[in-house]
Protein backbone atom coordinates (compact mmCIF):
# COMPACT_ATOMS: atom_id res chain seq x y z
CA MET A 1 24.42 16.54 128.85
CA LEU A 2 25.65 19.15 126.21
CA ILE A 3 29.21 17.77 125.56
CA GLY A 4 28.92 13.36 125.50
CA HIS A 5 31.61 11.30 127.31
CA SER A 6 33.30 10.62 124.32
CA THR A 7 33.90 13.79 123.06
CA ILE A 8 35.33 14.64 126.62
CA GLU A 9 37.43 12.08 125.97
CA ASP A 10 38.97 12.98 122.52
CA VAL A 11 39.49 16.69 124.18
CA GLU A 12 41.63 15.09 126.80
CA SER A 13 43.44 13.00 124.71
CA ALA A 14 43.82 15.77 122.10
CA LEU A 15 45.82 17.19 125.43
CA ASP A 16 47.70 14.57 126.07
CA ARG A 17 48.91 14.08 122.36
CA PHE A 18 49.83 17.53 122.03
CA GLY A 19 51.53 18.28 125.34
CA TYR A 20 49.33 20.55 126.81
CA SER A 21 47.76 20.78 130.63
CA GLN A 22 43.74 20.54 131.38
CA ASP A 23 44.75 22.74 134.28
CA ASP A 24 45.68 25.33 131.73
CA PHE A 25 42.76 25.74 130.27
CA ASP A 26 38.99 26.83 131.14
CA PHE A 27 35.93 25.53 129.18
CA LYS A 28 32.30 26.92 129.45
CA VAL A 29 30.04 25.88 128.04
CA GLN A 30 26.23 27.30 126.67
CA ASP A 31 23.55 26.12 125.89
CA ASP A 32 21.80 27.08 122.65
CA THR A 33 19.40 24.55 122.32
CA GLN A 34 15.70 25.29 121.19
CA TYR A 35 13.76 23.22 123.80
CA SER A 36 10.57 22.46 122.11
CA SER A 37 7.75 20.03 123.62
CA GLY A 38 8.83 16.28 121.59
CA LEU A 39 11.65 15.63 120.09
CA TYR A 40 14.54 18.28 119.79
CA HIS A 41 18.56 18.05 119.11
CA THR A 42 21.19 19.49 121.98
CA TYR A 43 23.67 22.71 120.45
CA SER A 44 25.64 24.18 122.14
CA THR A 45 29.30 26.82 122.11
CA VAL A 46 31.95 25.66 124.07
CA HIS A 47 33.84 29.10 125.34
CA VAL A 48 37.36 27.76 125.54
CA THR A 49 40.25 29.81 127.33
CA TYR A 50 44.09 29.06 127.91
CA LYS A 51 44.75 30.88 131.08
CA PRO A 52 48.69 31.14 130.46
CA ASN A 53 48.17 33.41 127.34
CA GLY A 54 44.22 34.52 127.62
CA ILE A 55 44.01 32.97 124.04
CA LYS A 56 40.37 32.48 123.60
CA ARG A 57 38.00 31.06 121.31
CA SER A 58 34.80 29.15 120.67
CA TYR A 59 33.18 26.63 119.35
CA ALA A 60 29.95 25.22 117.82
CA ALA A 61 28.89 21.84 119.78
CA GLY A 62 26.47 19.18 120.58
CA HIS A 63 24.69 17.41 117.50
CA GLN A 64 26.66 16.59 114.39
CA SER A 65 29.20 19.08 116.11
CA ALA A 66 32.98 18.77 115.47
CA PHE A 67 34.24 20.68 118.35
CA ALA A 68 36.20 17.83 119.51
CA ALA A 69 38.16 17.31 115.59
CA GLU A 70 38.41 21.56 115.64
CA PHE A 71 40.11 21.91 118.87
CA GLU A 72 42.20 19.06 118.02
CA ARG A 73 43.01 21.09 114.72
CA ASP A 74 44.02 24.39 116.51
CA LEU A 75 46.57 22.56 119.43
CA GLN A 76 48.21 21.03 116.75
CA GLY A 77 48.68 24.11 114.61
CA GLY A 78 49.90 25.87 117.30
CA PHE A 79 46.67 28.11 117.79
CA TYR A 80 46.78 28.65 121.47
CA ARG A 81 50.48 29.15 121.91
């Protein structure tokens, strides 16, 4: 799983808190993990599009990322409006 369940819950909560509909966003996850034998951390990029106006932004996600917090700051700051 590239995006953890708790991260998804945090994103959904932020959308609700700031009055956005989940249906108005398109989230695409790109796997950036460097797979090798043995242990490795998962990394990805989440490409977000706000459908009503086409505004897009990409966020680093995965191991030790702050994707949910960065997305929430953008919602709170009105980036997608």
